[in-house]
Amino acid sequence: MREILKTFEQELARAKDLFRADISSLRTGRASPALLEDLEIERYDAKTPLKHIASISAPDARSLVIQPWDKGALEAIGKAIENSSLHIAPIADGDHIRLTLPQLTEERRKDLLKILGAKTEETRVRARRARDDAWKEIQQSEKNKTISEDEKFRVKDELQKKMDGFNTELEEVRKKKEKEIVEV
């Protein structure tokens, strides 16, 4: 039973990490290097995440500065940003690229909140699926007479407690991101 619970906890942790990574790329009212970190750059006939070939900083709330380690990558980075879904025009400024983020419109904020809600629900579904898988294993263990019926229900209660804790944490992360998106 410990192994089933441990696997379930690992699945919840993985779901939470994926959720945080997913929502970090959602644009808020403030500039964040996470917006660009995973942008794929075509370099030497291979696609490489921007975070692997350049440093990304946010000197103020509305701008990002990208400083590639190889100055020859400036053009490829500029093209990748232009072709991305960010709709931001890169400005080559000597040995770095500067991006100025426009204010988010009310409509765009609403769209981002919908996306956040969808990603939250995806994560909840993933967690419920993991709980259901663990519950099936527990039921099978009882059928195989490796655990008692009392043990089965005790472990079921433990699963639910872990699930409730996960949902609470997920909701806190969602509210924090929602606040960032709505903040002007």
C-alpha atoms as a PDB file:
ATOM      1  CA  MET A   1       0.000   0.000   0.000  1.00  0.00           C
ATOM      2  CA  ARG A   2       2.876   2.371   0.750  1.00  0.00           C
ATOM      3  CA  GLU A   3       4.127   1.910  -2.793  1.00  0.00           C
ATOM      4  CA  ILE A   4       0.717   2.807  -4.258  1.00  0.00           C
ATOM      5  CA  LEU A   5       0.507   5.936  -2.095  1.00  0.00           C
ATOM      6  CA  LYS A   6       4.070   6.918  -2.985  1.00  0.00           C
ATOM      7  CA  THR A   7       3.336   6.549  -6.720  1.00  0.00           C
ATOM      8  CA  PHE A   8       0.165   8.613  -6.293  1.00  0.00           C
ATOM      9  CA  GLU A   9       2.088  11.381  -4.493  1.00  0.00           C
ATOM     10  CA  GLN A  10       4.675  11.417  -7.281  1.00  0.00           C
ATOM     11  CA  GLU A  11       1.914  11.762  -9.884  1.00  0.00           C
ATOM     12  CA  LEU A  12       0.414  14.690  -7.964  1.00  0.00           C
ATOM     13  CA  ALA A  13       3.824  16.374  -7.701  1.00  0.00           C
ATOM     14  CA  ARG A  14       4.427  15.859 -11.432  1.00  0.00           C
ATOM     15  CA  ALA A  15       0.989  17.318 -12.253  1.00  0.00           C
ATOM     16  CA  LYS A  16       1.672  20.353 -10.050  1.00  0.00           C
ATOM     17  CA  ASP A  17       5.094  20.941 -11.643  1.00  0.00           C
ATOM     18  CA  LEU A  18       3.648  20.700 -15.154  1.00  0.00           C
ATOM     19  CA  PHE A  19       0.875  23.116 -14.203  1.00  0.00           C
ATOM     20  CA  ARG A  20       3.358  25.655 -12.851  1.00  0.00           C
ATOM     21  CA  ALA A  21       5.501  25.350 -15.980  1.00  0.00           C
ATOM     22  CA  ASP A  22       2.419  25.711 -18.196  1.00  0.00           C
ATOM     23  CA  ILE A  23       1.109  28.835 -16.528  1.00  0.00           C
ATOM     24  CA  SER A  24       4.516  30.494 -16.203  1.00  0.00           C
ATOM     25  CA  SER A  25       4.409  31.181 -19.934  1.00  0.00           C
ATOM     26  CA  LEU A  26       1.036  32.954 -19.664  1.00  0.00           C
ATOM     27  CA  ARG A  27       1.654  36.636 -20.096  1.00  0.00           C
ATOM     28  CA  THR A  28       0.698  38.840 -17.197  1.00  0.00           C
ATOM     29  CA  GLY A  29       0.757  42.598 -16.831  1.00  0.00           C
ATOM     30  CA  ARG A  30       4.424  42.342 -15.905  1.00  0.00           C
ATOM     31  CA  ALA A  31       7.361  41.205 -18.066  1.00  0.00           C
ATOM     32  CA  SER A  32       8.714  37.779 -17.164  1.00  0.00           C
ATOM     33  CA  PRO A  33      11.643  35.849 -18.671  1.00  0.00           C
ATOM     34  CA  ALA A  34       9.427  32.724 -18.491  1.00  0.00           C
ATOM     35  CA  LEU A  35       7.539  34.128 -21.497  1.00  0.00           C
ATOM     36  CA  LEU A  36      10.518  33.403 -23.730  1.00  0.00           C
ATOM     37  CA  GLU A  37      12.536  30.665 -22.001  1.00  0.00           C
ATOM     38  CA  ASP A  38      11.159  27.778 -24.054  1.00  0.00           C
ATOM     39  CA  LEU A  39      10.916  29.617 -27.368  1.00  0.00           C
ATOM     40  CA  GLU A  40      12.562  27.353 -29.957  1.00  0.00           C
ATOM     41  CA  ILE A  41      15.455  28.968 -31.875  1.00  0.00           C
ATOM     42  CA  GLU A  42      16.617  27.460 -35.168  1.00  0.00           C
ATOM     43  CA  ARG A  43      20.392  27.277 -34.835  1.00  0.00           C
ATOM     44  CA  TYR A  44      22.877  25.016 -36.642  1.00  0.00           C
ATOM     45  CA  ASP A  45      20.045  22.935 -38.160  1.00  0.00           C
ATOM     46  CA  ALA A  46      18.604  22.198 -34.713  1.00  0.00           C
ATOM     47  CA  LYS A  47      15.940  23.778 -32.539  1.00  0.00           C
ATOM     48  CA  THR A  48      17.187  24.922 -29.139  1.00  0.00           C
ATOM     49  CA  PRO A  49      15.250  26.606 -26.324  1.00  0.00           C
ATOM     50  CA  LEU A  50      16.191  30.267 -25.964  1.00  0.00           C
ATOM     51  CA  LYS A  51      17.195  29.775 -22.316  1.00  0.00           C
ATOM     52  CA  HIS A  52      20.034  27.507 -23.502  1.00  0.00           C
ATOM     53  CA  ILE A  53      21.639  30.059 -25.821  1.00  0.00           C
ATOM     54  CA  ALA A  54      21.008  33.409 -24.128  1.00  0.00           C
ATOM     55  CA  SER A  55      20.346  35.166 -20.853  1.00  0.00           C
ATOM     56  CA  ILE A  56      16.898  36.721 -20.484  1.00  0.00           C
ATOM     57  CA  SER A  57      16.264  39.532 -18.032  1.00  0.00           C
ATOM     58  CA  ALA A  58      13.423  41.883 -17.154  1.00  0.00           C
ATOM     59  CA  PRO A  59      14.991  45.276 -16.352  1.00  0.00           C
ATOM     60  CA  ASP A  60      11.559  46.786 -15.716  1.00  0.00           C
ATOM     61  CA  ALA A  61       7.878  45.795 -15.692  1.00  0.00           C
ATOM     62  CA  ARG A  62       7.339  46.315 -19.434  1.00  0.00           C
ATOM     63  CA  SER A  63      10.524  45.143 -21.120  1.00  0.00           C
ATOM     64  CA  LEU A  64      12.717  42.101 -21.618  1.00  0.00           C
ATOM     65  CA  VAL A  65      16.352  42.006 -22.687  1.00  0.00           C
ATOM     66  CA  ILE A  66      17.861  38.976 -24.423  1.00  0.00           C
ATOM     67  CA  GLN A  67      21.627  38.719 -24.519  1.00  0.00           C
ATOM     68  CA  PRO A  68      22.862  35.727 -26.530  1.00  0.00           C
ATOM     69  CA  TRP A  69      26.172  34.144 -25.603  1.00  0.00           C
ATOM     70  CA  ASP A  70      26.954  33.790 -29.312  1.00  0.00           C
ATOM     71  CA  LYS A  71      26.410  37.161 -31.042  1.00  0.00           C
ATOM     72  CA  GLY A  72      25.721  35.308 -34.315  1.00  0.00           C
ATOM     73  CA  ALA A  73      22.442  34.076 -32.845  1.00  0.00           C
ATOM     74  CA  LEU A  74      20.867  37.563 -32.738  1.00  0.00           C
ATOM     75  CA  GLU A  75      19.214  37.236 -36.147  1.00  0.00           C
ATOM     76  CA  ALA A  76      17.830  33.738 -35.448  1.00  0.00           C
ATOM     77  CA  ILE A  77      16.434  34.889 -32.086  1.00  0.00           C
ATOM     78  CA  GLY A  78      14.804  37.919 -33.715  1.00  0.00           C
ATOM     79  CA  LYS A  79      13.161  35.739 -36.376  1.00  0.00           C
ATOM     80  CA  ALA A  80      11.887  33.257 -33.798  1.00  0.00           C
ATOM     81  CA  ILE A  81      10.310  36.054 -31.750  1.00  0.00           C
ATOM     82  CA  GLU A  82       8.686  37.604 -34.840  1.00  0.00           C
ATOM     83  CA  ASN A  83       7.239  34.218 -35.843  1.00  0.00           C
ATOM     84  CA  SER A  84       6.007  33.393 -32.334  1.00  0.00           C
ATOM     85  CA  SER A  85       2.501  33.896 -30.995  1.00  0.00           C
ATOM     86  CA  LEU A  86       3.709  36.690 -28.693  1.00  0.00           C
ATOM     87  CA  HIS A  87       3.074  39.442 -31.282  1.00  0.00           C
ATOM     88  CA  ILE A  88       6.001  41.501 -30.029  1.00  0.00           C
ATOM     89  CA  ALA A  89       8.470  43.251 -32.325  1.00  0.00           C
ATOM     90  CA  PRO A  90      12.097  42.588 -31.322  1.00  0.00           C
ATOM     91  CA  ILE A  91      14.492  45.555 -31.435  1.00  0.00           C
ATOM     92  CA  ALA A  92      18.130  44.663 -32.125  1.00  0.00           C
ATOM     93  CA  ASP A  93      20.247  46.929 -29.944  1.00  0.00           C
ATOM     94  CA  GLY A  94      23.922  46.181 -30.536  1.00  0.00           C
ATOM     95  CA  ASP A  95      24.759  42.873 -28.875  1.00  0.00           C
ATOM     96  CA  HIS A  96      21.289  42.255 -27.378  1.00  0.00           C
ATOM     97  CA  ILE A  97      17.605  42.294 -28.270  1.00  0.00           C
ATOM     98  CA  ARG A  98      15.097  44.448 -26.432  1.00  0.00           C
ATOM     99  CA  LEU A  99      11.377  43.686 -26.292  1.00  0.00           C
ATOM    100  CA  THR A 100       8.816  46.203 -25.089  1.00  0.00           C
ATOM    101  CA  LEU A 101       5.595  44.546 -24.004  1.00  0.00           C
ATOM    102  CA  PRO A 102       2.397  46.448 -24.748  1.00  0.00           C
ATOM    103  CA  GLN A 103      -0.308  46.877 -22.118  1.00  0.00           C
ATOM    104  CA  LEU A 104      -2.724  43.954 -21.966  1.00  0.00           C
ATOM    105  CA  THR A 105      -6.209  44.822 -23.157  1.00  0.00           C
ATOM    106  CA  GLU A 106      -9.236  43.864 -21.079  1.00  0.00           C
ATOM    107  CA  GLU A 107     -10.237  41.366 -23.778  1.00  0.00           C
ATOM    108  CA  ARG A 108      -6.802  39.728 -23.737  1.00  0.00           C
ATOM    109  CA  ARG A 109      -6.896  39.489 -19.937  1.00  0.00           C
ATOM    110  CA  LYS A 110     -10.240  37.676 -20.162  1.00  0.00           C
ATOM    111  CA  ASP A 111      -8.778  35.276 -22.738  1.00  0.00           C
ATOM    112  CA  LEU A 112      -5.794  34.589 -20.475  1.00  0.00           C
ATOM    113  CA  LEU A 113      -8.128  33.877 -17.542  1.00  0.00           C
ATOM    114  CA  LYS A 114     -10.022  31.364 -19.697  1.00  0.00           C
ATOM    115  CA  ILE A 115      -6.748  29.680 -20.661  1.00  0.00           C
ATOM    116  CA  LEU A 116      -5.724  29.600 -16.982  1.00  0.00           C
ATOM    117  CA  GLY A 117      -9.053  27.992 -16.082  1.00  0.00           C
ATOM    118  CA  ALA A 118      -8.638  25.357 -18.804  1.00  0.00           C
ATOM    119  CA  LYS A 119      -5.090  24.519 -17.682  1.00  0.00           C
ATOM    120  CA  THR A 120      -6.287  24.274 -14.071  1.00  0.00           C
ATOM    121  CA  GLU A 121      -9.046  21.867 -15.058  1.00  0.00           C
ATOM    122  CA  GLU A 122      -6.606  19.756 -17.130  1.00  0.00           C
ATOM    123  CA  THR A 123      -4.423  19.423 -14.048  1.00  0.00           C
ATOM    124  CA  ARG A 124      -7.390  18.447 -11.870  1.00  0.00           C
ATOM    125  CA  VAL A 125      -8.399  15.784 -14.403  1.00  0.00           C
ATOM    126  CA  ARG A 126      -4.833  14.432 -14.435  1.00  0.00           C
ATOM    127  CA  ALA A 127      -4.853  14.217 -10.624  1.00  0.00           C
ATOM    128  CA  ARG A 128      -8.265  12.510 -10.553  1.00  0.00           C
ATOM    129  CA  ARG A 129      -7.042   9.995 -13.110  1.00  0.00           C
ATOM    130  CA  ALA A 130      -4.028   9.218 -10.911  1.00  0.00           C
ATOM    131  CA  ARG A 131      -6.320   8.814  -7.881  1.00  0.00           C
ATOM    132  CA  ASP A 132      -8.621   6.479  -9.836  1.00  0.00           C
ATOM    133  CA  ASP A 133      -5.649   4.361 -10.946  1.00  0.00           C
ATOM    134  CA  ALA A 134      -4.425   4.096  -7.358  1.00  0.00           C
ATOM    135  CA  TRP A 135      -7.936   3.170  -6.175  1.00  0.00           C
ATOM    136  CA  LYS A 136      -8.165   0.384  -8.797  1.00  0.00           C
ATOM    137  CA  GLU A 137      -4.859  -1.025  -7.570  1.00  0.00           C
ATOM    138  CA  ILE A 138      -6.107  -0.935  -3.995  1.00  0.00           C
ATOM    139  CA  GLN A 139      -9.352  -2.689  -4.921  1.00  0.00           C
ATOM    140  CA  GLN A 140      -7.393  -5.321  -6.812  1.00  0.00           C
ATOM    141  CA  SER A 141      -5.180  -5.872  -3.779  1.00  0.00           C
ATOM    142  CA  GLU A 142      -8.274  -6.497  -1.674  1.00  0.00           C
ATOM    143  CA  LYS A 143      -9.665  -8.940  -4.245  1.00  0.00           C
ATOM    144  CA  ASN A 144      -6.338 -10.771  -4.202  1.00  0.00           C
ATOM    145  CA  LYS A 145      -6.637 -10.950  -0.389  1.00  0.00           C
ATOM    146  CA  THR A 146      -3.336  -9.094   0.159  1.00  0.00           C
ATOM    147  CA  ILE A 147      -5.114  -6.431   2.239  1.00  0.00           C
ATOM    148  CA  SER A 148      -8.239  -6.405   4.389  1.00  0.00           C
ATOM    149  CA  GLU A 149     -11.404  -4.450   3.660  1.00  0.00           C
ATOM    150  CA  ASP A 150     -10.647  -2.129   6.586  1.00  0.00           C
ATOM    151  CA  GLU A 151      -7.176  -1.459   5.173  1.00  0.00           C
ATOM    152  CA  LYS A 152      -8.728  -0.736   1.758  1.00  0.00           C
ATOM    153  CA  PHE A 153     -10.990   1.972   3.171  1.00  0.00           C
ATOM    154  CA  ARG A 154      -8.249   3.420   5.347  1.00  0.00           C
ATOM    155  CA  VAL A 155      -6.026   3.831   2.279  1.00  0.00           C
ATOM    156  CA  LYS A 156      -8.969   5.265   0.320  1.00  0.00           C
ATOM    157  CA  ASP A 157      -9.355   7.952   3.004  1.00  0.00           C
ATOM    158  CA  GLU A 158      -5.626   8.690   2.799  1.00  0.00           C
ATOM    159  CA  LEU A 159      -5.883   9.046  -0.993  1.00  0.00           C
ATOM    160  CA  GLN A 160      -8.727  11.507  -0.584  1.00  0.00           C
ATOM    161  CA  LYS A 161      -6.822  13.569   2.004  1.00  0.00           C
ATOM    162  CA  LYS A 162      -3.855  13.837  -0.372  1.00  0.00           C
ATOM    163  CA  MET A 163      -6.209  14.773  -3.205  1.00  0.00           C
ATOM    164  CA  ASP A 164      -7.863  17.486  -1.092  1.00  0.00           C
ATOM    165  CA  GLY A 165      -4.461  18.920  -0.170  1.00  0.00           C
ATOM    166  CA  PHE A 166      -3.433  18.904  -3.825  1.00  0.00           C
ATOM    167  CA  ASN A 167      -6.621  20.725  -4.862  1.00  0.00           C
ATOM    168  CA  THR A 168      -6.042  23.371  -2.176  1.00  0.00           C
ATOM    169  CA  GLU A 169      -2.468  23.990  -3.368  1.00  0.00           C
ATOM    170  CA  LEU A 170      -3.578  24.065  -7.009  1.00  0.00           C
ATOM    171  CA  GLU A 171      -6.240  26.634  -6.203  1.00  0.00           C
ATOM    172  CA  GLU A 172      -3.712  28.848  -4.384  1.00  0.00           C
ATOM    173  CA  VAL A 173      -1.362  28.782  -7.389  1.00  0.00           C
ATOM    174  CA  ARG A 174      -4.283  29.529  -9.744  1.00  0.00           C
ATOM    175  CA  LYS A 175      -5.469  32.490  -7.646  1.00  0.00           C
ATOM    176  CA  LYS A 176      -1.948  33.911  -7.508  1.00  0.00           C
ATOM    177  CA  LYS A 177      -1.587  33.717 -11.301  1.00  0.00           C
ATOM    178  CA  GLU A 178      -5.084  35.146 -11.790  1.00  0.00           C
ATOM    179  CA  LYS A 179      -4.127  38.114  -9.617  1.00  0.00           C
ATOM    180  CA  GLU A 180      -0.990  38.661 -11.747  1.00  0.00           C
ATOM    181  CA  ILE A 181      -3.044  38.608 -14.960  1.00  0.00           C
ATOM    182  CA  VAL A 182      -5.701  41.011 -13.681  1.00  0.00           C
ATOM    183  CA  GLU A 183      -3.156  43.409 -12.145  1.00  0.00           C
ATOM    184  CA  VAL A 184      -2.773  46.522 -14.296  1.00  0.00           C
END
